[in-house]
Amino acid sequence: MNRLDSDRRRFLGTLGGGLFGALAASWLDPRVALAAGAAPAVAAKATACIVLWMNGGPSHVDTFDPKPGTPSAGPFKAIRTRAKGVSICEHLPRVADQAHHLAILRGMSSREGNHDRARYLLHTGYAPNPTVIHPALGGWMSEELGPSGDLPTFISLGGPSATAGFLGAQHGPFIVQSAVEAPQNVARAPAVGPARFEKRRATLEKMEAHFAAEATDVKVDGRRAVYEKAIRMMRAPGLGAFDLSSEPKAVLDAYGDSDFGRRCLTARRLVESGVRLVEVTLDGWDTHQDNFGRTTKLMGALDPGMSALIADLEKRHLLEKTLVIWMGDFGRTPKINANDGRDHHPGAWTAVLAGGGVRGGVAHGQTDATGDTVAAGKIAVPDLFATVTKQLGLDPDKSFDTPSGRPIAISDGGRPLHEITG
């Protein structure tokens, strides 16, 4: 690192608080670079996306693909839903009441049984490759669709999500950990008034211009874009979307008294404010031990949060234009291990879609009698990614050049699932 770069970084620490660090952290990775964008070429069915990320890998057998009467079923019973002929776990009764909006994809399959590799695959649609960092879905949306308001295009609530890869840090996620508070450091430092802030900002711009002239690095434009986004966010009226204090008690109760429920409500408010993609994390699904006790507790948060989100979006006439995705790392083994748990199982699992022009009330694909293998309607992750991106107005076959000149398509050769999208 040269002296100019070191001075610039020290100066940023005094400018306005930690928001700059939160937005700019990923540009320090030398693998991240900037790519030029273009207008989308596909008619969008949806303008926003909410990803409900089940971190750790939920059991498909214990959630959306029950196997009643088999040794793999465990103690959970199956219940009917509002989708004809479709049953799900008894611990998801409110979600069952919204099943006429759901496309339950029971034929999902991959080869990635390692958490890190599976998370990368499910966020980017590509298996990890040491020669390139692929963009997450939110990164593609930011690059291709751009912002539709004054908040970041891509926001992650309660988890880190994945980066925008070679598209650049300005398309990466803005991460908010708290479920009940606005992002930290969105106000100026206590001793920095408006005039002093603008003076510091002007000084920073001069330093940046000088640095850009010396560095001639493609990442510089990305960094400067991040700083501008940070300043816009500090002034954004849309920050009120993080404040749930105005929500009626009945609404708060509907989403459930949990961090996940609060984040689902915040996600709805963020979509209303123009955010393109919001990811909401529910952690704890890596149930190698005490699978049934832990999964029961997790579904206690999932059921009200997910069901209220879908019902609220419909009530506000937002569901048709908002694609909701429920998924995790992979499934879990039908076989129950010696610790009353289930282990990693990428060969057969479930993802769920709702809204965004997707046909609801269906279960697409089928596993065998125990949930061990896909028996019909097998779906690869690139197929899911191609389906989602097409609904969002992105051309899954469109390619972008990485900084090394390698063309990378939005989808890794996936086929959109016309069976559920028409």
Protein backbone atom coordinates (compact mmCIF):
# COMPACT_ATOMS: atom_id res chain seq x y z
CA MET A 1 0.00 0.00 0.00
CA ASN A 2 1.45 3.41 -0.96
CA ARG A 3 1.42 6.50 1.25
CA LEU A 4 -1.41 8.18 -0.69
CA ASP A 5 -3.68 5.19 -0.24
CA SER A 6 -2.83 5.00 3.46
CA ASP A 7 -3.60 8.71 3.97
CA ARG A 8 -6.88 8.39 2.12
CA ARG A 9 -8.02 5.49 4.28
CA ARG A 10 -7.19 7.34 7.51
CA PHE A 11 -9.16 10.34 6.25
CA LEU A 12 -12.25 8.21 5.55
CA GLY A 13 -12.35 7.23 9.22
CA THR A 14 -13.01 10.87 10.16
CA LEU A 15 -15.51 11.73 7.46
CA GLY A 16 -18.86 10.68 8.82
CA GLY A 17 -18.75 7.41 10.73
CA GLY A 18 -18.73 3.68 10.08
CA LEU A 19 -21.26 3.62 7.25
CA PHE A 20 -18.45 4.17 4.76
CA GLY A 21 -16.59 1.18 6.15
CA ALA A 22 -19.70 -0.97 6.00
CA LEU A 23 -20.35 -0.15 2.37
CA ALA A 24 -16.73 -0.10 1.22
CA ALA A 25 -15.33 -3.20 2.95
CA SER A 26 -15.52 -5.55 -0.02
CA TRP A 27 -13.49 -3.33 -2.39
CA LEU A 28 -10.38 -4.16 -0.38
CA ASP A 29 -10.50 -7.62 -1.94
CA PRO A 30 -8.20 -7.32 -4.97
CA ARG A 31 -10.28 -9.90 -6.84
CA VAL A 32 -13.23 -7.51 -7.10
CA ALA A 33 -13.40 -5.33 -10.21
CA LEU A 34 -15.90 -3.25 -12.14
CA ALA A 35 -17.95 -4.32 -15.14
CA ALA A 36 -20.04 -2.16 -17.45
CA GLY A 37 -23.80 -2.70 -17.42
CA ALA A 38 -26.64 -2.44 -19.89
CA ALA A 39 -30.40 -2.27 -19.83
CA PRO A 40 -32.27 -5.54 -19.24
CA ALA A 41 -33.53 -7.33 -22.33
CA VAL A 42 -36.27 -9.48 -20.73
CA ALA A 43 -39.74 -8.30 -19.77
CA ALA A 44 -39.91 -8.41 -15.99
CA LYS A 45 -42.74 -10.13 -14.15
CA ALA A 46 -41.31 -8.93 -10.83
CA THR A 47 -39.51 -5.74 -9.83
CA ALA A 48 -38.26 -6.89 -6.42
CA CYS A 49 -37.11 -10.06 -4.69
CA ILE A 50 -37.08 -11.21 -1.06
CA VAL A 51 -34.85 -14.19 -0.27
CA LEU A 52 -35.63 -16.09 2.92
CA TRP A 53 -32.28 -17.77 3.51
CA MET A 54 -32.34 -20.80 5.81
CA ASN A 55 -28.71 -20.88 6.85
CA GLY A 56 -27.29 -24.33 7.55
CA GLY A 57 -29.56 -26.37 5.28
CA PRO A 58 -33.14 -27.22 6.32
CA SER A 59 -34.51 -30.74 6.18
CA HIS A 60 -36.92 -31.04 3.25
CA VAL A 61 -38.58 -34.05 4.91
CA ASP A 62 -39.31 -31.98 8.04
CA THR A 63 -40.65 -28.92 6.19
CA PHE A 64 -42.08 -28.96 2.65
CA ASP A 65 -41.67 -32.61 1.56
CA PRO A 66 -43.01 -34.77 4.42
CA LYS A 67 -42.96 -38.56 4.21
CA PRO A 68 -45.70 -39.71 6.61
CA GLY A 69 -45.64 -43.33 7.66
CA THR A 70 -41.99 -43.93 6.77
CA PRO A 71 -39.00 -44.40 9.09
CA SER A 72 -37.54 -41.13 7.77
CA ALA A 73 -40.60 -39.11 8.79
CA GLY A 74 -39.65 -38.77 12.44
CA PRO A 75 -42.27 -37.51 14.92
CA PHE A 76 -43.71 -34.75 12.70
CA LYS A 77 -47.08 -35.18 11.03
CA ALA A 78 -48.13 -33.87 7.62
CA ILE A 79 -51.04 -31.45 7.20
CA ARG A 80 -53.12 -30.43 4.21
CA THR A 81 -52.68 -27.02 2.65
CA ARG A 82 -54.73 -24.66 0.49
CA ALA A 83 -52.96 -26.17 -2.52
CA LYS A 84 -54.90 -29.19 -3.73
CA GLY A 85 -53.12 -32.45 -2.97
CA VAL A 86 -50.13 -30.75 -1.33
CA SER A 87 -49.17 -31.46 2.29
CA ILE A 88 -46.42 -29.91 4.40
CA CYS A 89 -45.19 -30.20 8.00
CA GLU A 90 -47.66 -29.72 10.86
CA HIS A 91 -45.41 -27.02 12.34
CA LEU A 92 -46.10 -24.73 9.36
CA PRO A 93 -49.89 -24.27 9.65
CA ARG A 94 -49.89 -20.58 8.69
CA VAL A 95 -47.67 -21.24 5.69
CA ALA A 96 -50.06 -24.05 4.73
CA ASP A 97 -52.82 -21.43 4.62
CA GLN A 98 -50.76 -19.48 2.05
CA ALA A 99 -49.89 -22.53 -0.06
CA HIS A 100 -52.13 -21.40 -2.93
CA HIS A 101 -49.40 -18.80 -3.56
CA LEU A 102 -46.51 -21.29 -3.34
CA ALA A 103 -44.60 -23.21 -5.99
CA ILE A 104 -42.88 -25.93 -3.94
CA LEU A 105 -39.89 -27.28 -5.88
CA ARG A 106 -39.32 -30.77 -4.48
CA GLY A 107 -36.89 -31.90 -7.18
CA MET A 108 -33.93 -29.67 -6.26
CA SER A 109 -30.54 -31.40 -6.45
CA SER A 110 -26.87 -30.44 -6.41
CA ARG A 111 -23.47 -31.97 -5.73
CA GLU A 112 -22.34 -29.41 -3.14
CA GLY A 113 -22.50 -30.90 0.36
CA ASN A 114 -20.05 -28.46 1.95
CA HIS A 115 -21.65 -25.40 3.58
CA ASP A 116 -19.38 -22.77 2.06
CA ARG A 117 -19.54 -24.23 -1.43
CA ALA A 118 -23.30 -24.76 -1.24
CA ARG A 119 -23.96 -21.21 -0.02
CA TYR A 120 -21.87 -19.86 -2.88
CA LEU A 121 -23.78 -22.01 -5.39
CA LEU A 122 -27.22 -21.03 -4.08
CA HIS A 123 -26.37 -17.32 -4.02
CA THR A 124 -24.66 -17.12 -7.41
CA GLY A 125 -25.94 -20.06 -9.44
CA TYR A 126 -22.35 -21.21 -9.99
CA ALA A 127 -20.12 -23.73 -8.26
CA PRO A 128 -17.08 -22.07 -6.68
CA ASN A 129 -14.14 -21.51 -9.02
CA PRO A 130 -10.78 -20.21 -7.80
CA THR A 131 -10.30 -18.11 -10.95
CA VAL A 132 -13.39 -15.90 -10.62
CA ILE A 133 -15.82 -14.60 -8.00
CA HIS A 134 -19.34 -14.77 -9.40
CA PRO A 135 -21.93 -12.13 -8.47
CA ALA A 136 -24.80 -12.88 -6.12
CA LEU A 137 -28.34 -12.43 -7.44
CA GLY A 138 -28.57 -9.03 -5.75
CA GLY A 139 -25.38 -7.97 -7.50
CA TRP A 140 -26.82 -8.82 -10.91
CA MET A 141 -29.99 -6.90 -10.07
CA SER A 142 -27.98 -3.88 -8.99
CA GLU A 143 -25.86 -3.96 -12.14
CA GLU A 144 -28.67 -4.56 -14.61
CA LEU A 145 -31.67 -2.82 -13.00
CA GLY A 146 -30.05 -0.15 -10.86
CA PRO A 147 -31.67 1.56 -7.88
CA SER A 148 -35.34 2.52 -7.79
CA GLY A 149 -35.08 4.67 -4.69
CA ASP A 150 -32.60 6.30 -2.34
CA LEU A 151 -31.69 3.14 -0.41
CA PRO A 152 -29.13 0.52 -1.48
CA THR A 153 -30.35 -1.80 -4.21
CA PHE A 154 -29.27 -4.96 -2.35
CA ILE A 155 -29.76 -5.27 1.43
CA SER A 156 -29.05 -8.28 3.66
CA LEU A 157 -30.79 -8.53 7.04
CA GLY A 158 -29.18 -10.73 9.68
CA GLY A 159 -26.51 -12.34 7.52
CA PRO A 160 -23.62 -11.53 5.19
CA SER A 161 -25.16 -12.88 1.94
CA ALA A 162 -22.62 -12.99 -0.92
CA THR A 163 -20.68 -10.29 -2.75
CA ALA A 164 -21.19 -8.86 -6.22
CA GLY A 165 -17.97 -10.54 -7.30
CA PHE A 166 -16.37 -9.15 -10.43
CA LEU A 167 -19.17 -6.60 -10.89
CA GLY A 168 -17.65 -4.48 -8.12
CA ALA A 169 -18.30 -3.47 -4.53
CA GLN A 170 -20.85 -0.83 -5.49
CA HIS A 171 -23.23 -3.68 -6.41
CA GLY A 172 -22.65 -5.68 -3.22
CA PRO A 173 -24.98 -6.08 -0.22
CA PHE A 174 -25.52 -3.53 2.49
CA ILE A 175 -25.59 -5.65 5.64
CA VAL A 176 -27.83 -4.83 8.63
CA GLN A 177 -27.51 -7.16 11.62
CA SER A 178 -30.03 -5.68 14.04
CA ALA A 179 -33.65 -6.74 13.69
CA VAL A 180 -35.08 -3.69 15.47
CA GLU A 181 -32.73 -0.76 14.82
CA ALA A 182 -31.78 1.34 11.81
CA PRO A 183 -28.31 0.84 10.32
CA GLN A 184 -25.53 2.21 12.48
CA ASN A 185 -23.61 5.40 11.69
CA VAL A 186 -26.11 6.88 9.25
CA ALA A 187 -25.88 10.20 11.09
CA ARG A 188 -22.90 12.54 10.96
CA ALA A 189 -20.38 12.28 13.74
CA PRO A 190 -21.49 14.38 16.77
CA ALA A 191 -18.88 17.10 16.25
CA VAL A 192 -19.38 17.32 12.47
CA GLY A 193 -22.02 19.82 11.35
CA PRO A 194 -23.33 20.16 7.77
CA ALA A 195 -20.77 22.75 6.68
CA ARG A 196 -17.85 20.83 8.15
CA PHE A 197 -19.12 17.60 6.60
CA GLU A 198 -19.32 19.20 3.13
CA LYS A 199 -15.83 20.62 3.53
CA ARG A 200 -14.47 17.19 4.43
CA ARG A 201 -16.34 15.65 1.54
CA ALA A 202 -14.82 18.16 -0.90
CA THR A 203 -11.36 17.38 0.50
CA LEU A 204 -12.00 13.67 0.06
CA GLU A 205 -13.04 14.23 -3.55
CA LYS A 206 -9.79 16.03 -4.30
CA MET A 207 -7.81 13.20 -2.73
CA GLU A 208 -9.82 10.66 -4.68
CA ALA A 209 -9.26 12.49 -7.97
CA HIS A 210 -5.52 12.61 -7.32
CA PHE A 211 -5.50 8.94 -6.31
CA ALA A 212 -7.48 7.94 -9.43
CA ALA A 213 -5.01 9.76 -11.67
CA GLU A 214 -2.08 7.96 -10.06
CA ALA A 215 -3.61 4.52 -9.61
CA THR A 216 -5.37 4.05 -12.98
CA ASP A 217 -7.17 1.09 -11.40
CA VAL A 218 -10.65 -0.01 -12.44
CA LYS A 219 -11.60 -0.51 -8.77
CA VAL A 220 -11.27 3.22 -8.07
CA ASP A 221 -14.57 4.03 -9.80
CA GLY A 222 -16.22 1.33 -7.74
CA ARG A 223 -14.89 2.78 -4.50
CA ARG A 224 -16.05 6.27 -5.38
CA ALA A 225 -19.51 4.94 -6.23
CA VAL A 226 -19.67 3.28 -2.81
CA TYR A 227 -18.83 6.55 -1.06
CA GLU A 228 -21.54 8.39 -3.00
CA LYS A 229 -24.06 5.69 -2.10
CA ALA A 230 -23.12 6.05 1.56
CA ILE A 231 -23.72 9.79 1.50
CA ARG A 232 -27.06 9.40 -0.29
CA MET A 233 -28.15 6.83 2.26
CA MET A 234 -27.26 9.14 5.15
CA ARG A 235 -29.76 11.62 3.70
CA ALA A 236 -32.37 9.11 2.52
CA PRO A 237 -35.99 9.58 3.60
CA GLY A 238 -36.32 5.84 2.97
CA LEU A 239 -34.34 5.10 6.13
CA GLY A 240 -37.69 5.18 7.89
CA ALA A 241 -38.32 1.71 6.45
CA PHE A 242 -36.10 0.32 9.22
CA ASP A 243 -38.24 1.91 11.96
CA LEU A 244 -41.04 -0.49 12.92
CA SER A 245 -42.42 1.68 15.71
CA SER A 246 -45.25 2.95 13.51
CA GLU A 247 -46.52 -0.55 12.71
CA PRO A 248 -49.74 -1.58 14.49
CA LYS A 249 -49.43 -4.22 17.19
CA ALA A 250 -51.59 -6.58 15.14
CA VAL A 251 -49.07 -6.46 12.29
CA LEU A 252 -46.11 -7.03 14.60
CA ASP A 253 -47.94 -9.96 16.20
CA ALA A 254 -48.74 -11.47 12.81
CA TYR A 255 -45.06 -11.61 11.85
CA GLY A 256 -44.15 -13.19 15.18
CA ASP A 257 -42.10 -12.10 18.17
CA SER A 258 -38.70 -13.08 16.77
CA ASP A 259 -35.78 -11.44 15.02
CA PHE A 260 -36.71 -13.33 11.86
CA GLY A 261 -40.29 -12.05 12.00
CA ARG A 262 -39.13 -8.46 12.50
CA ARG A 263 -36.74 -8.79 9.59
CA CYS A 264 -39.48 -10.16 7.34
CA LEU A 265 -41.58 -7.11 8.17
CA THR A 266 -38.61 -4.83 7.49
CA ALA A 267 -38.11 -6.60 4.16
CA ARG A 268 -41.67 -5.78 3.15
CA ARG A 269 -41.14 -2.13 4.10
CA LEU A 270 -37.84 -1.99 2.20
CA VAL A 271 -39.45 -3.38 -0.96
CA GLU A 272 -42.13 -0.72 -0.63
CA SER A 273 -39.31 1.85 -0.47
CA GLY A 274 -37.81 0.64 -3.75
CA VAL A 275 -35.11 -1.82 -2.65
CA ARG A 276 -34.60 -4.43 -5.38
CA LEU A 277 -33.42 -7.40 -3.32
CA VAL A 278 -33.67 -8.06 0.40
CA GLU A 279 -32.22 -11.20 1.95
CA VAL A 280 -33.50 -12.30 5.37
CA THR A 281 -31.47 -14.95 7.22
CA LEU A 282 -32.83 -17.52 9.66
CA ASP A 283 -29.78 -19.29 11.09
CA GLY A 284 -29.50 -22.64 12.86
CA TRP A 285 -30.60 -25.30 10.36
CA ASP A 286 -27.39 -27.37 10.57
CA THR A 287 -29.17 -29.96 12.72
CA HIS A 288 -26.70 -32.84 13.09
CA GLN A 289 -27.96 -33.15 16.67
CA ASP A 290 -31.48 -32.82 18.16
CA ASN A 291 -32.93 -32.23 14.70
CA PHE A 292 -36.56 -32.36 15.78
CA GLY A 293 -36.29 -30.09 18.80
CA ARG A 294 -34.24 -27.50 16.94
CA THR A 295 -36.32 -27.67 13.78
CA THR A 296 -39.55 -27.25 15.76
CA LYS A 297 -38.17 -24.05 17.28
CA LEU A 298 -36.97 -22.75 13.92
CA MET A 299 -40.36 -23.37 12.31
CA GLY A 300 -41.90 -21.49 15.22
CA ALA A 301 -40.19 -18.38 13.83
CA LEU A 302 -40.46 -19.32 10.14
CA ASP A 303 -44.21 -20.02 10.11
CA PRO A 304 -45.52 -16.59 11.20
CA GLY A 305 -42.72 -14.66 9.50
CA MET A 306 -43.02 -16.25 6.06
CA SER A 307 -46.82 -16.51 6.07
CA ALA A 308 -47.37 -12.93 7.23
CA LEU A 309 -44.90 -11.65 4.63
CA ILE A 310 -46.74 -13.36 1.78
CA ALA A 311 -50.18 -12.34 3.08
CA ASP A 312 -49.05 -8.74 3.68
CA LEU A 313 -47.54 -8.45 0.21
CA GLU A 314 -50.78 -9.71 -1.32
CA LYS A 315 -52.89 -7.34 0.78
CA ARG A 316 -50.78 -4.40 -0.40
CA HIS A 317 -50.91 -5.55 -4.05
CA LEU A 318 -47.16 -6.17 -4.01
CA LEU A 319 -47.00 -9.96 -4.27
CA GLU A 320 -47.44 -10.14 -8.03
CA LYS A 321 -44.41 -7.88 -8.47
CA THR A 322 -42.33 -9.31 -5.61
CA LEU A 323 -40.69 -12.72 -5.97
CA VAL A 324 -40.25 -14.50 -2.62
CA ILE A 325 -37.67 -17.32 -2.47
CA TRP A 326 -37.30 -19.78 0.43
CA MET A 327 -34.14 -21.91 0.31
CA GLY A 328 -31.04 -23.01 2.19
CA ASP A 329 -27.69 -24.69 1.64
CA PHE A 330 -29.12 -28.13 0.78
CA GLY A 331 -31.44 -30.75 2.30
CA ARG A 332 -30.78 -33.20 5.09
CA THR A 333 -30.60 -36.97 5.14
CA PRO A 334 -33.85 -38.92 5.48
CA LYS A 335 -31.90 -41.27 7.74
CA ILE A 336 -31.84 -40.10 11.36
CA ASN A 337 -28.36 -40.41 12.86
CA ALA A 338 -27.28 -41.64 16.29
CA ASN A 339 -27.56 -38.09 17.72
CA ASP A 340 -31.21 -37.76 16.71
CA GLY A 341 -30.06 -35.50 13.91
CA ARG A 342 -29.94 -35.35 10.15
CA ASP A 343 -26.76 -34.85 8.11
CA HIS A 344 -26.00 -32.96 4.87
CA HIS A 345 -27.94 -34.14 1.82
CA PRO A 346 -27.44 -32.20 -1.43
CA GLY A 347 -28.88 -34.92 -3.68
CA ALA A 348 -32.54 -34.12 -3.00
CA TRP A 349 -34.11 -31.11 -1.32
CA THR A 350 -36.73 -28.37 -1.63
CA ALA A 351 -36.90 -24.69 -2.53
CA VAL A 352 -40.07 -22.61 -2.53
CA LEU A 353 -41.13 -19.68 -4.71
CA ALA A 354 -44.08 -17.31 -4.27
CA GLY A 355 -45.34 -14.26 -6.12
CA GLY A 356 -43.45 -12.55 -8.91
CA GLY A 357 -45.55 -14.11 -11.66
CA VAL A 358 -44.90 -17.67 -10.48
CA ARG A 359 -47.83 -20.10 -10.62
CA GLY A 360 -48.89 -20.89 -7.06
CA GLY A 361 -50.61 -23.87 -5.52
CA VAL A 362 -48.29 -26.46 -7.05
CA ALA A 363 -45.63 -28.95 -6.00
CA HIS A 364 -43.18 -29.42 -8.86
CA GLY A 365 -40.86 -32.42 -8.83
CA GLN A 366 -40.95 -35.45 -6.60
CA THR A 367 -38.61 -37.39 -4.35
CA ASP A 368 -38.78 -41.11 -3.69
CA ALA A 369 -40.71 -42.68 -0.81
CA THR A 370 -38.13 -41.69 1.80
CA GLY A 371 -36.94 -38.37 0.35
CA ASP A 372 -33.51 -39.74 -0.50
CA THR A 373 -33.39 -39.18 -4.26
CA VAL A 374 -35.26 -37.17 -6.89
CA ALA A 375 -37.74 -39.45 -8.63
CA ALA A 376 -39.23 -36.95 -11.10
CA GLY A 377 -38.78 -33.33 -12.18
CA LYS A 378 -35.12 -32.94 -11.20
CA ILE A 379 -34.04 -29.29 -10.94
CA ALA A 380 -30.44 -28.13 -10.96
CA VAL A 381 -29.48 -24.90 -9.21
CA PRO A 382 -28.71 -23.12 -12.53
CA ASP A 383 -32.30 -23.93 -13.58
CA LEU A 384 -33.64 -22.28 -10.44
CA PHE A 385 -31.34 -19.30 -11.02
CA ALA A 386 -32.43 -18.97 -14.67
CA THR A 387 -36.09 -19.07 -13.59
CA VAL A 388 -35.62 -16.42 -10.93
CA THR A 389 -33.54 -14.06 -13.06
CA LYS A 390 -35.97 -14.27 -15.97
CA GLN A 391 -38.91 -13.40 -13.70
CA LEU A 392 -36.92 -10.39 -12.51
CA GLY A 393 -36.29 -9.10 -16.01
CA LEU A 394 -32.71 -10.33 -16.41
CA ASP A 395 -31.60 -12.33 -19.42
CA PRO A 396 -30.08 -15.51 -17.93
CA ASP A 397 -27.96 -16.04 -21.06
CA LYS A 398 -26.47 -12.55 -21.13
CA SER A 399 -22.69 -12.54 -20.65
CA PHE A 400 -20.36 -10.05 -18.99
CA ASP A 401 -16.59 -9.95 -19.27
CA THR A 402 -14.55 -10.33 -16.11
CA PRO A 403 -11.48 -8.10 -15.69
CA SER A 404 -9.41 -10.87 -17.29
CA GLY A 405 -11.70 -10.89 -20.33
CA ARG A 406 -13.52 -14.11 -19.50
CA PRO A 407 -17.23 -14.08 -20.44
CA ILE A 408 -19.58 -15.09 -17.62
CA ALA A 409 -23.33 -15.44 -18.17
CA ILE A 410 -25.89 -14.50 -15.54
CA SER A 411 -26.96 -18.16 -15.38
CA ASP A 412 -24.64 -21.14 -15.74
CA GLY A 413 -26.58 -22.63 -18.66
CA GLY A 414 -29.78 -23.01 -16.66
CA ARG A 415 -33.21 -23.69 -18.18
CA PRO A 416 -36.12 -21.58 -16.87
CA LEU A 417 -38.91 -23.67 -15.39
CA HIS A 418 -41.77 -22.80 -17.73
CA GLU A 419 -43.92 -25.32 -15.86
CA ILE A 420 -44.33 -22.83 -13.02
CA THR A 421 -43.95 -19.53 -14.87
CA GLY A 422 -46.15 -20.04 -17.94
